């Protein structure tokens, strides 16, 4: 039964490949324009990235810009950037799933 469902889904996907490619290209552009804002420590560090995981903006609380706070600042930036990338990837996976009718494609080139 599961094999039959997969074969039907794959057949449908192959028959609609042109439309799917157009949707992927449109989605890639939308992802470039989409922004995701993540903050940590009550807004002490804020990162804005787009759907291509390109950092668009970084905001740091002035209190963290002292030499004795360097280690804290480095850890906070790392944590916030990684959290933003994870959130971006989750959004992309959700959009791909909607576009493919729930079929799981582990890696569409240029998408992740």
PDB file of N, CA and C in Angstrom:
ATOM      1  N   UNK A   1       0.825  -1.201   0.000  1.00  0.00           N
ATOM      2  CA  UNK A   1       0.000   0.000   0.000  1.00  0.00           C
ATOM      3  C   UNK A   1       0.865   1.260   0.000  1.00  0.00           C
ATOM      4  N   UNK A   2       1.883   1.265   0.869  1.00  0.00           N
ATOM      5  CA  UNK A   2       2.766   2.414   0.952  1.00  0.00           C
ATOM      6  C   UNK A   2       3.524   2.624  -0.363  1.00  0.00           C
ATOM      7  N   UNK A   3       3.932   1.523  -0.992  1.00  0.00           N
ATOM      8  CA  UNK A   3       4.631   1.595  -2.276  1.00  0.00           C
ATOM      9  C   UNK A   3       3.723   2.195  -3.341  1.00  0.00           C
ATOM     10  N   UNK A   4       2.462   1.815  -3.348  1.00  0.00           N
ATOM     11  CA  UNK A   4       1.508   2.330  -4.321  1.00  0.00           C
ATOM     12  C   UNK A   4       1.318   3.834  -4.147  1.00  0.00           C
ATOM     13  N   UNK A   5       1.192   4.275  -2.915  1.00  0.00           N
ATOM     14  CA  UNK A   5       1.031   5.707  -2.644  1.00  0.00           C
ATOM     15  C   UNK A   5       2.266   6.466  -3.127  1.00  0.00           C
ATOM     16  N   UNK A   6       3.447   5.921  -2.855  1.00  0.00           N
ATOM     17  CA  UNK A   6       4.690   6.553  -3.292  1.00  0.00           C
ATOM     18  C   UNK A   6       4.747   6.634  -4.812  1.00  0.00           C
ATOM     19  N   UNK A   7       4.407   5.523  -5.496  1.00  0.00           N
ATOM     20  CA  UNK A   7       4.455   5.503  -6.957  1.00  0.00           C
ATOM     21  C   UNK A   7       3.483   6.509  -7.563  1.00  0.00           C
ATOM     22  N   UNK A   8       2.295   6.615  -6.990  1.00  0.00           N
ATOM     23  CA  UNK A   8       1.327   7.603  -7.488  1.00  0.00           C
ATOM     24  C   UNK A   8       1.846   9.020  -7.292  1.00  0.00           C
ATOM     25  N   UNK A   9       2.410   9.262  -6.114  1.00  0.00           N
ATOM     26  CA  UNK A   9       2.970  10.585  -5.832  1.00  0.00           C
ATOM     27  C   UNK A   9       4.121  10.919  -6.751  1.00  0.00           C
ATOM     28  N   UNK A  10       4.986   9.952  -6.997  1.00  0.00           N
ATOM     29  CA  UNK A  10       6.121  10.159  -7.879  1.00  0.00           C
ATOM     30  C   UNK A  10       5.652  10.387  -9.313  1.00  0.00           C
ATOM     31  N   UNK A  11       4.679   9.629  -9.767  1.00  0.00           N
ATOM     32  CA  UNK A  11       4.132   9.789 -11.112  1.00  0.00           C
ATOM     33  C   UNK A  11       3.536  11.185 -11.276  1.00  0.00           C
ATOM     34  N   UNK A  12       2.793  11.619 -10.288  1.00  0.00           N
ATOM     35  CA  UNK A  12       2.183  12.951 -10.323  1.00  0.00           C
ATOM     36  C   UNK A  12       3.267  14.026 -10.354  1.00  0.00           C
ATOM     37  N   UNK A  13       4.303  13.826  -9.558  1.00  0.00           N
ATOM     38  CA  UNK A  13       5.398  14.778  -9.504  1.00  0.00           C
ATOM     39  C   UNK A  13       6.108  14.871 -10.851  1.00  0.00           C
ATOM     40  N   UNK A  14       6.387  13.746 -11.466  1.00  0.00           N
ATOM     41  CA  UNK A  14       7.064  13.725 -12.762  1.00  0.00           C
ATOM     42  C   UNK A  14       6.209  14.427 -13.815  1.00  0.00           C
ATOM     43  N   UNK A  15       4.912  14.168 -13.794  1.00  0.00           N
ATOM     44  CA  UNK A  15       4.006  14.787 -14.762  1.00  0.00           C
ATOM     45  C   UNK A  15       3.924  16.304 -14.593  1.00  0.00           C
ATOM     46  N   UNK A  16       4.213  16.783 -13.403  1.00  0.00           N
ATOM     47  CA  UNK A  16       4.110  18.216 -13.123  1.00  0.00           C
ATOM     48  C   UNK A  16       5.471  18.867 -12.889  1.00  0.00           C
ATOM     49  N   UNK A  17       6.545  18.279 -13.416  1.00  0.00           N
ATOM     50  CA  UNK A  17       7.896  18.752 -13.144  1.00  0.00           C
ATOM     51  C   UNK A  17       8.111  20.198 -13.575  1.00  0.00           C
ATOM     52  N   UNK A  18       7.592  20.595 -14.719  1.00  0.00           N
ATOM     53  CA  UNK A  18       7.757  21.972 -15.191  1.00  0.00           C
ATOM     54  C   UNK A  18       7.156  22.966 -14.222  1.00  0.00           C
ATOM     55  N   UNK A  19       5.950  22.672 -13.766  1.00  0.00           N
ATOM     56  CA  UNK A  19       5.287  23.552 -12.804  1.00  0.00           C
ATOM     57  C   UNK A  19       6.047  23.567 -11.483  1.00  0.00           C
ATOM     58  N   UNK A  20       6.571  22.420 -11.094  1.00  0.00           N
ATOM     59  CA  UNK A  20       7.323  22.328  -9.847  1.00  0.00           C
ATOM     60  C   UNK A  20       8.592  23.167  -9.922  1.00  0.00           C
ATOM     61  N   UNK A  21       9.286  23.116 -11.045  1.00  0.00           N
ATOM     62  CA  UNK A  21      10.507  23.912 -11.215  1.00  0.00           C
ATOM     63  C   UNK A  21      10.186  25.400 -11.106  1.00  0.00           C
ATOM     64  N   UNK A  22       9.089  25.819 -11.717  1.00  0.00           N
ATOM     65  CA  UNK A  22       8.670  27.226 -11.613  1.00  0.00           C
ATOM     66  C   UNK A  22       8.384  27.598 -10.164  1.00  0.00           C
ATOM     67  N   UNK A  23       7.706  26.715  -9.443  1.00  0.00           N
ATOM     68  CA  UNK A  23       7.405  26.974  -8.034  1.00  0.00           C
ATOM     69  C   UNK A  23       8.677  27.062  -7.203  1.00  0.00           C
ATOM     70  N   UNK A  24       9.635  26.188  -7.474  1.00  0.00           N
ATOM     71  CA  UNK A  24      10.907  26.208  -6.739  1.00  0.00           C
ATOM     72  C   UNK A  24      11.629  27.528  -7.005  1.00  0.00           C
ATOM     73  N   UNK A  25      11.677  27.964  -8.248  1.00  0.00           N
ATOM     74  CA  UNK A  25      12.348  29.219  -8.575  1.00  0.00           C
ATOM     75  C   UNK A  25      11.667  30.403  -7.905  1.00  0.00           C
ATOM     76  N   UNK A  26      10.338  30.390  -7.904  1.00  0.00           N
ATOM     77  CA  UNK A  26       9.596  31.468  -7.241  1.00  0.00           C
ATOM     78  C   UNK A  26       9.857  31.433  -5.735  1.00  0.00           C
ATOM     79  N   UNK A  27       9.871  30.237  -5.185  1.00  0.00           N
ATOM     80  CA  UNK A  27      10.110  30.104  -3.753  1.00  0.00           C
ATOM     81  C   UNK A  27      11.513  30.579  -3.378  1.00  0.00           C
ATOM     82  N   UNK A  28      12.506  30.287  -4.225  1.00  0.00           N
ATOM     83  CA  UNK A  28      13.867  30.743  -3.951  1.00  0.00           C
ATOM     84  C   UNK A  28      13.919  32.267  -3.884  1.00  0.00           C
ATOM     85  N   UNK A  29      13.221  32.939  -4.766  1.00  0.00           N
ATOM     86  CA  UNK A  29      13.192  34.400  -4.733  1.00  0.00           C
ATOM     87  C   UNK A  29      12.467  34.897  -3.487  1.00  0.00           C
ATOM     88  N   UNK A  30      11.362  34.257  -3.143  1.00  0.00           N
ATOM     89  CA  UNK A  30      10.630  34.645  -1.947  1.00  0.00           C
ATOM     90  C   UNK A  30      11.493  34.456  -0.695  1.00  0.00           C
ATOM     91  N   UNK A  31      12.272  33.382  -0.670  1.00  0.00           N
ATOM     92  CA  UNK A  31      13.147  33.134   0.476  1.00  0.00           C
ATOM     93  C   UNK A  31      14.215  34.218   0.592  1.00  0.00           C
ATOM     94  N   UNK A  32      14.723  34.678  -0.535  1.00  0.00           N
ATOM     95  CA  UNK A  32      15.735  35.735  -0.499  1.00  0.00           C
ATOM     96  C   UNK A  32      15.129  37.012   0.093  1.00  0.00           C
ATOM     97  N   UNK A  33      13.858  37.260  -0.174  1.00  0.00           N
ATOM     98  CA  UNK A  33      13.190  38.468   0.309  1.00  0.00           C
ATOM     99  C   UNK A  33      12.645  38.319   1.730  1.00  0.00           C
ATOM    100  N   UNK A  34      12.486  37.098   2.191  1.00  0.00           N
ATOM    101  CA  UNK A  34      11.949  36.832   3.520  1.00  0.00           C
ATOM    102  C   UNK A  34      13.011  37.130   4.576  1.00  0.00           C
ATOM    103  N   UNK A  35      12.601  37.685   5.700  1.00  0.00           N
ATOM    104  CA  UNK A  35      13.546  37.883   6.796  1.00  0.00           C
ATOM    105  C   UNK A  35      13.050  37.171   8.041  1.00  0.00           C
ATOM    106  N   UNK A  36      14.017  36.677   8.794  1.00  0.00           N
ATOM    107  CA  UNK A  36      13.741  35.993  10.051  1.00  0.00           C
ATOM    108  C   UNK A  36      14.549  36.712  11.118  1.00  0.00           C
ATOM    109  N   UNK A  37      13.879  37.142  12.157  1.00  0.00           N
ATOM    110  CA  UNK A  37      14.536  37.871  13.235  1.00  0.00           C
ATOM    111  C   UNK A  37      14.546  37.008  14.491  1.00  0.00           C
ATOM    112  N   UNK A  38      15.723  36.787  15.037  1.00  0.00           N
ATOM    113  CA  UNK A  38      15.882  35.997  16.249  1.00  0.00           C
ATOM    114  C   UNK A  38      16.654  36.830  17.251  1.00  0.00           C
ATOM    115  N   UNK A  39      16.204  36.819  18.504  1.00  0.00           N
ATOM    116  CA  UNK A  39      16.960  37.524  19.539  1.00  0.00           C
ATOM    117  C   UNK A  39      17.167  36.605  20.733  1.00  0.00           C
ATOM    118  N   UNK A  40      18.202  36.897  21.480  1.00  0.00           N
ATOM    119  CA  UNK A  40      18.560  36.133  22.674  1.00  0.00           C
ATOM    120  C   UNK A  40      18.772  37.090  23.833  1.00  0.00           C
ATOM    121  N   UNK A  41      18.687  36.529  25.022  1.00  0.00           N
ATOM    122  CA  UNK A  41      18.946  37.281  26.249  1.00  0.00           C
ATOM    123  C   UNK A  41      18.139  38.574  26.299  1.00  0.00           C
ATOM    124  N   UNK A  42      16.846  38.444  26.048  1.00  0.00           N
ATOM    125  CA  UNK A  42      15.969  39.603  26.139  1.00  0.00           C
ATOM    126  C   UNK A  42      16.263  40.693  25.131  1.00  0.00           C
ATOM    127  N   UNK A  43      16.823  40.323  24.001  1.00  0.00           N
ATOM    128  CA  UNK A  43      17.123  41.293  22.958  1.00  0.00           C
ATOM    129  C   UNK A  43      18.541  41.837  23.012  1.00  0.00           C
ATOM    130  N   UNK A  44      19.379  41.289  23.879  1.00  0.00           N
ATOM    131  CA  UNK A  44      20.770  41.755  23.964  1.00  0.00           C
ATOM    132  C   UNK A  44      21.520  41.491  22.661  1.00  0.00           C
ATOM    133  N   UNK A  45      21.106  40.469  21.957  1.00  0.00           N
ATOM    134  CA  UNK A  45      21.690  40.158  20.642  1.00  0.00           C
ATOM    135  C   UNK A  45      20.544  39.807  19.705  1.00  0.00           C
ATOM    136  N   UNK A  46      20.492  40.505  18.586  1.00  0.00           N
ATOM    137  CA  UNK A  46      19.437  40.259  17.602  1.00  0.00           C
ATOM    138  C   UNK A  46      20.089  40.032  16.246  1.00  0.00           C
ATOM    139  N   UNK A  47      19.661  38.978  15.557  1.00  0.00           N
ATOM    140  CA  UNK A  47      20.165  38.643  14.239  1.00  0.00           C
ATOM    141  C   UNK A  47      18.981  38.610  13.274  1.00  0.00           C
ATOM    142  N   UNK A  48      19.155  39.198  12.113  1.00  0.00           N
ATOM    143  CA  UNK A  48      18.159  39.117  11.039  1.00  0.00           C
ATOM    144  C   UNK A  48      18.841  38.420   9.864  1.00  0.00           C
ATOM    145  N   UNK A  49      18.228  37.320   9.393  1.00  0.00           N
ATOM    146  CA  UNK A  49      18.737  36.612   8.225  1.00  0.00           C
ATOM    147  C   UNK A  49      17.611  36.464   7.215  1.00  0.00           C
ATOM    148  N   UNK A  50      17.984  36.158   5.975  1.00  0.00           N
ATOM    149  CA  UNK A  50      16.956  35.873   4.982  1.00  0.00           C
ATOM    150  C   UNK A  50      16.811  34.364   4.836  1.00  0.00           C
ATOM    151  N   UNK A  51      15.944  33.936   3.954  1.00  0.00           N
ATOM    152  CA  UNK A  51      15.682  32.518   3.764  1.00  0.00           C
ATOM    153  C   UNK A  51      16.819  31.752   3.121  1.00  0.00           C
ATOM    154  N   UNK A  52      17.864  32.450   2.712  1.00  0.00           N
ATOM    155  CA  UNK A  52      19.058  31.798   2.166  1.00  0.00           C
ATOM    156  C   UNK A  52      20.165  31.742   3.214  1.00  0.00           C
ATOM    157  N   UNK A  53      19.818  31.985   4.456  1.00  0.00           N
ATOM    158  CA  UNK A  53      20.734  31.999   5.596  1.00  0.00           C
ATOM    159  C   UNK A  53      21.841  33.044   5.455  1.00  0.00           C
ATOM    160  N   UNK A  54      21.543  34.147   4.801  1.00  0.00           N
ATOM    161  CA  UNK A  54      22.479  35.264   4.692  1.00  0.00           C
ATOM    162  C   UNK A  54      22.134  36.267   5.782  1.00  0.00           C
ATOM    163  N   UNK A  55      23.109  36.586   6.625  1.00  0.00           N
ATOM    164  CA  UNK A  55      22.883  37.528   7.722  1.00  0.00           C
ATOM    165  C   UNK A  55      22.658  38.917   7.127  1.00  0.00           C
ATOM    166  N   UNK A  56      21.543  39.531   7.504  1.00  0.00           N
ATOM    167  CA  UNK A  56      21.173  40.848   7.000  1.00  0.00           C
ATOM    168  C   UNK A  56      21.498  41.956   7.993  1.00  0.00           C
ATOM    169  N   UNK A  57      21.420  41.627   9.296  1.00  0.00           N
ATOM    170  CA  UNK A  57      21.617  42.656  10.314  1.00  0.00           C
ATOM    171  C   UNK A  57      21.976  41.990  11.633  1.00  0.00           C
ATOM    172  N   UNK A  58      22.786  42.673  12.415  1.00  0.00           N
ATOM    173  CA  UNK A  58      23.132  42.241  13.773  1.00  0.00           C
ATOM    174  C   UNK A  58      23.011  43.458  14.675  1.00  0.00           C
ATOM    175  N   UNK A  59      22.319  43.298  15.783  1.00  0.00           N
ATOM    176  CA  UNK A  59      22.206  44.357  16.792  1.00  0.00           C
ATOM    177  C   UNK A  59      22.723  43.792  18.108  1.00  0.00           C
ATOM    178  N   UNK A  60      23.565  44.563  18.779  1.00  0.00           N
ATOM    179  CA  UNK A  60      24.165  44.149  20.046  1.00  0.00           C
ATOM    180  C   UNK A  60      23.897  45.235  21.073  1.00  0.00           C
ATOM    181  N   UNK A  61      23.469  44.828  22.246  1.00  0.00           N
ATOM    182  CA  UNK A  61      23.247  45.783  23.328  1.00  0.00           C
ATOM    183  C   UNK A  61      24.572  46.436  23.707  1.00  0.00           C
ATOM    184  N   UNK A  62      24.594  47.750  23.882  1.00  0.00           N
ATOM    185  CA  UNK A  62      25.829  48.448  24.236  1.00  0.00           C
ATOM    186  C   UNK A  62      26.526  47.886  25.485  1.00  0.00           C
ATOM    187  N   UNK A  63      25.760  47.336  26.400  1.00  0.00           N
ATOM    188  CA  UNK A  63      26.361  46.795  27.625  1.00  0.00           C
ATOM    189  C   UNK A  63      27.291  45.615  27.350  1.00  0.00           C
ATOM    190  N   UNK A  64      27.139  44.978  26.194  1.00  0.00           N
ATOM    191  CA  UNK A  64      27.987  43.837  25.846  1.00  0.00           C
ATOM    192  C   UNK A  64      29.231  44.250  25.064  1.00  0.00           C
ATOM    193  N   UNK A  65      29.392  45.529  24.816  1.00  0.00           N
ATOM    194  CA  UNK A  65      30.504  46.003  24.000  1.00  0.00           C
ATOM    195  C   UNK A  65      31.715  46.428  24.832  1.00  0.00           C
ATOM    196  N   UNK A  66      31.816  45.897  26.009  1.00  0.00           N
ATOM    197  CA  UNK A  66      32.974  46.174  26.865  1.00  0.00           C
ATOM    198  C   UNK A  66      33.959  45.010  26.745  1.00  0.00           C
ATOM    199  N   UNK A  67      35.255  45.288  26.818  1.00  0.00           N
ATOM    200  CA  UNK A  67      36.257  44.221  26.673  1.00  0.00           C
ATOM    201  C   UNK A  67      36.030  43.022  27.592  1.00  0.00           C
ATOM    202  N   UNK A  68      35.600  43.251  28.808  1.00  0.00           N
ATOM    203  CA  UNK A  68      35.384  42.133  29.737  1.00  0.00           C
ATOM    204  C   UNK A  68      34.163  41.282  29.370  1.00  0.00           C
ATOM    205  N   UNK A  69      33.360  41.763  28.448  1.00  0.00           N
ATOM    206  CA  UNK A  69      32.179  41.028  27.991  1.00  0.00           C
ATOM    207  C   UNK A  69      32.416  40.303  26.665  1.00  0.00           C
ATOM    208  N   UNK A  70      33.634  40.311  26.160  1.00  0.00           N
ATOM    209  CA  UNK A  70      33.933  39.745  24.836  1.00  0.00           C
ATOM    210  C   UNK A  70      33.503  38.281  24.726  1.00  0.00           C
ATOM    211  N   UNK A  71      33.831  37.455  25.710  1.00  0.00           N
ATOM    212  CA  UNK A  71      33.467  36.036  25.667  1.00  0.00           C
ATOM    213  C   UNK A  71      31.966  35.825  25.652  1.00  0.00           C
ATOM    214  N   UNK A  72      31.267  36.601  26.464  1.00  0.00           N
ATOM    215  CA  UNK A  72      29.801  36.515  26.511  1.00  0.00           C
ATOM    216  C   UNK A  72      29.224  36.919  25.162  1.00  0.00           C
ATOM    217  N   UNK A  73      29.750  37.988  24.598  1.00  0.00           N
ATOM    218  CA  UNK A  73      29.265  38.485  23.314  1.00  0.00           C
ATOM    219  C   UNK A  73      29.496  37.459  22.206  1.00  0.00           C
ATOM    220  N   UNK A  74      30.675  36.868  22.161  1.00  0.00           N
ATOM    221  CA  UNK A  74      30.975  35.867  21.141  1.00  0.00           C
ATOM    222  C   UNK A  74      30.023  34.679  21.234  1.00  0.00           C
ATOM    223  N   UNK A  75      29.802  34.185  22.445  1.00  0.00           N
ATOM    224  CA  UNK A  75      28.895  33.049  22.655  1.00  0.00           C
ATOM    225  C   UNK A  75      27.469  33.400  22.261  1.00  0.00           C
ATOM    226  N   UNK A  76      27.058  34.595  22.615  1.00  0.00           N
ATOM    227  CA  UNK A  76      25.700  35.041  22.323  1.00  0.00           C
ATOM    228  C   UNK A  76      25.470  35.188  20.820  1.00  0.00           C
ATOM    229  N   UNK A  77      26.437  35.742  20.107  1.00  0.00           N
ATOM    230  CA  UNK A  77      26.304  35.875  18.650  1.00  0.00           C
ATOM    231  C   UNK A  77      26.240  34.499  18.001  1.00  0.00           C
ATOM    232  N   UNK A  78      27.119  33.613  18.401  1.00  0.00           N
ATOM    233  CA  UNK A  78      27.128  32.260  17.851  1.00  0.00           C
ATOM    234  C   UNK A  78      25.790  31.561  18.085  1.00  0.00           C
ATOM    235  N   UNK A  79      25.296  31.631  19.304  1.00  0.00           N
ATOM    236  CA  UNK A  79      24.022  30.995  19.652  1.00  0.00           C
ATOM    237  C   UNK A  79      22.873  31.580  18.835  1.00  0.00           C
ATOM    238  N   UNK A  80      22.844  32.888  18.693  1.00  0.00           N
ATOM    239  CA  UNK A  80      21.750  33.552  17.994  1.00  0.00           C
ATOM    240  C   UNK A  80      21.787  33.268  16.492  1.00  0.00           C
ATOM    241  N   UNK A  81      22.971  33.303  15.886  1.00  0.00           N
ATOM    242  CA  UNK A  81      23.089  33.003  14.453  1.00  0.00           C
ATOM    243  C   UNK A  81      22.648  31.567  14.182  1.00  0.00           C
ATOM    244  N   UNK A  82      23.125  30.631  14.986  1.00  0.00           N
ATOM    245  CA  UNK A  82      22.743  29.229  14.776  1.00  0.00           C
ATOM    246  C   UNK A  82      21.242  29.024  14.945  1.00  0.00           C
ATOM    247  N   UNK A  83      20.651  29.684  15.907  1.00  0.00           N
ATOM    248  CA  UNK A  83      19.207  29.585  16.114  1.00  0.00           C
ATOM    249  C   UNK A  83      18.446  30.157  14.915  1.00  0.00           C
ATOM    250  N   UNK A  84      18.930  31.254  14.364  1.00  0.00           N
ATOM    251  CA  UNK A  84      18.287  31.862  13.193  1.00  0.00           C
ATOM    252  C   UNK A  84      18.374  30.936  11.976  1.00  0.00           C
ATOM    253  N   UNK A  85      19.520  30.280  11.796  1.00  0.00           N
ATOM    254  CA  UNK A  85      19.685  29.359  10.667  1.00  0.00           C
ATOM    255  C   UNK A  85      18.743  28.168  10.813  1.00  0.00           C
ATOM    256  N   UNK A  86      18.637  27.614  12.008  1.00  0.00           N
ATOM    257  CA  UNK A  86      17.722  26.493  12.239  1.00  0.00           C
ATOM    258  C   UNK A  86      16.286  26.908  11.931  1.00  0.00           C
ATOM    259  N   UNK A  87      15.887  28.077  12.392  1.00  0.00           N
ATOM    260  CA  UNK A  87      14.527  28.558  12.133  1.00  0.00           C
ATOM    261  C   UNK A  87      14.291  28.743  10.634  1.00  0.00           C
ATOM    262  N   UNK A  88      15.273  29.295   9.941  1.00  0.00           N
ATOM    263  CA  UNK A  88      15.159  29.474   8.499  1.00  0.00           C
ATOM    264  C   UNK A  88      14.996  28.134   7.790  1.00  0.00           C
ATOM    265  N   UNK A  89      15.799  27.152   8.160  1.00  0.00           N
ATOM    266  CA  UNK A  89      15.704  25.828   7.541  1.00  0.00           C
ATOM    267  C   UNK A  89      14.350  25.184   7.822  1.00  0.00           C
ATOM    268  N   UNK A  90      13.813  25.378   9.008  1.00  0.00           N
ATOM    269  CA  UNK A  90      12.493  24.824   9.327  1.00  0.00           C
ATOM    270  C   UNK A  90      11.412  25.454   8.454  1.00  0.00           C
ATOM    271  N   UNK A  91      11.504  26.750   8.233  1.00  0.00           N
ATOM    272  CA  UNK A  91      10.536  27.433   7.372  1.00  0.00           C
ATOM    273  C   UNK A  91      10.650  26.915   5.940  1.00  0.00           C
ATOM    274  N   UNK A  92      11.877  26.751   5.454  1.00  0.00           N
ATOM    275  CA  UNK A  92      12.083  26.253   4.096  1.00  0.00           C
ATOM    276  C   UNK A  92      11.509  24.849   3.950  1.00  0.00           C
ATOM    277  N   UNK A  93      11.796  23.972   4.895  1.00  0.00           N
ATOM    278  CA  UNK A  93      11.282  22.605   4.828  1.00  0.00           C
ATOM    279  C   UNK A  93       9.759  22.593   4.811  1.00  0.00           C
ATOM    280  N   UNK A  94       9.157  23.451   5.597  1.00  0.00           N
ATOM    281  CA  UNK A  94       7.702  23.536   5.635  1.00  0.00           C
ATOM    282  C   UNK A  94       7.148  23.987   4.282  1.00  0.00           C
ATOM    283  N   UNK A  95       7.784  24.985   3.679  1.00  0.00           N
ATOM    284  CA  UNK A  95       7.331  25.481   2.383  1.00  0.00           C
ATOM    285  C   UNK A  95       7.527  24.433   1.285  1.00  0.00           C
ATOM    286  N   UNK A  96       8.652  23.723   1.316  1.00  0.00           N
ATOM    287  CA  UNK A  96       8.894  22.670   0.327  1.00  0.00           C
ATOM    288  C   UNK A  96       7.859  21.561   0.482  1.00  0.00           C
ATOM    289  N   UNK A  97       7.545  21.217   1.711  1.00  0.00           N
ATOM    290  CA  UNK A  97       6.556  20.177   1.969  1.00  0.00           C
ATOM    291  C   UNK A  97       5.188  20.575   1.407  1.00  0.00           C
ATOM    292  N   UNK A  98       4.813  21.834   1.590  1.00  0.00           N
ATOM    293  CA  UNK A  98       3.542  22.324   1.029  1.00  0.00           C
ATOM    294  C   UNK A  98       3.564  22.242  -0.500  1.00  0.00           C
ATOM    295  N   UNK A  99       4.701  22.630  -1.071  1.00  0.00           N
ATOM    296  CA  UNK A  99       4.828  22.684  -2.521  1.00  0.00           C
ATOM    297  C   UNK A  99       4.804  21.289  -3.146  1.00  0.00           C
ATOM    298  N   UNK A 100       5.337  20.291  -2.457  1.00  0.00           N
ATOM    299  CA  UNK A 100       5.442  18.937  -3.021  1.00  0.00           C
ATOM    300  C   UNK A 100       4.348  18.017  -2.505  1.00  0.00           C
ATOM    301  N   UNK A 101       3.368  18.576  -1.836  1.00  0.00           N
ATOM    302  CA  UNK A 101       2.280  17.750  -1.328  1.00  0.00           C
ATOM    303  C   UNK A 101       2.716  16.796  -0.230  1.00  0.00           C
ATOM    304  N   UNK A 102       3.718  17.195   0.540  1.00  0.00           N
ATOM    305  CA  UNK A 102       4.160  16.390   1.665  1.00  0.00           C
ATOM    306  C   UNK A 102       5.272  15.406   1.356  1.00  0.00           C
ATOM    307  N   UNK A 103       5.648  15.293   0.092  1.00  0.00           N
ATOM    308  CA  UNK A 103       6.750  14.385  -0.238  1.00  0.00           C
ATOM    309  C   UNK A 103       8.040  14.983   0.306  1.00  0.00           C
ATOM    310  N   UNK A 104       8.865  14.154   0.900  1.00  0.00           N
ATOM    311  CA  UNK A 104      10.083  14.613   1.544  1.00  0.00           C
ATOM    312  C   UNK A 104      11.261  14.508   0.585  1.00  0.00           C
ATOM    313  N   UNK A 105      11.812  15.653   0.199  1.00  0.00           N
ATOM    314  CA  UNK A 105      13.023  15.702  -0.607  1.00  0.00           C
ATOM    315  C   UNK A 105      14.124  16.231   0.296  1.00  0.00           C
ATOM    316  N   UNK A 106      15.120  15.417   0.598  1.00  0.00           N
ATOM    317  CA  UNK A 106      16.130  15.820   1.577  1.00  0.00           C
ATOM    318  C   UNK A 106      16.953  17.028   1.177  1.00  0.00           C
ATOM    319  N   UNK A 107      17.182  17.254  -0.109  1.00  0.00           N
ATOM    320  CA  UNK A 107      17.996  18.379  -0.496  1.00  0.00           C
ATOM    321  C   UNK A 107      17.736  18.775  -1.942  1.00  0.00           C
ATOM    322  N   UNK A 108      17.044  19.863  -2.123  1.00  0.00           N
ATOM    323  CA  UNK A 108      16.849  20.420  -3.456  1.00  0.00           C
ATOM    324  C   UNK A 108      17.991  21.411  -3.654  1.00  0.00           C
ATOM    325  N   UNK A 109      18.840  21.210  -4.667  1.00  0.00           N
ATOM    326  CA  UNK A 109      20.013  22.082  -4.856  1.00  0.00           C
ATOM    327  C   UNK A 109      19.642  23.550  -4.859  1.00  0.00           C
ATOM    328  N   UNK A 110      20.391  24.328  -4.102  1.00  0.00           N
ATOM    329  CA  UNK A 110      20.175  25.757  -4.035  1.00  0.00           C
ATOM    330  C   UNK A 110      19.071  26.184  -3.095  1.00  0.00           C
ATOM    331  N   UNK A 111      18.374  25.213  -2.502  1.00  0.00           N
ATOM    332  CA  UNK A 111      17.250  25.549  -1.636  1.00  0.00           C
ATOM    333  C   UNK A 111      17.695  25.697  -0.188  1.00  0.00           C
ATOM    334  N   UNK A 112      18.579  24.832   0.260  1.00  0.00           N
ATOM    335  CA  UNK A 112      18.962  24.849   1.678  1.00  0.00           C
ATOM    336  C   UNK A 112      20.383  25.338   1.835  1.00  0.00           C
TER     337      UNK A 112
END
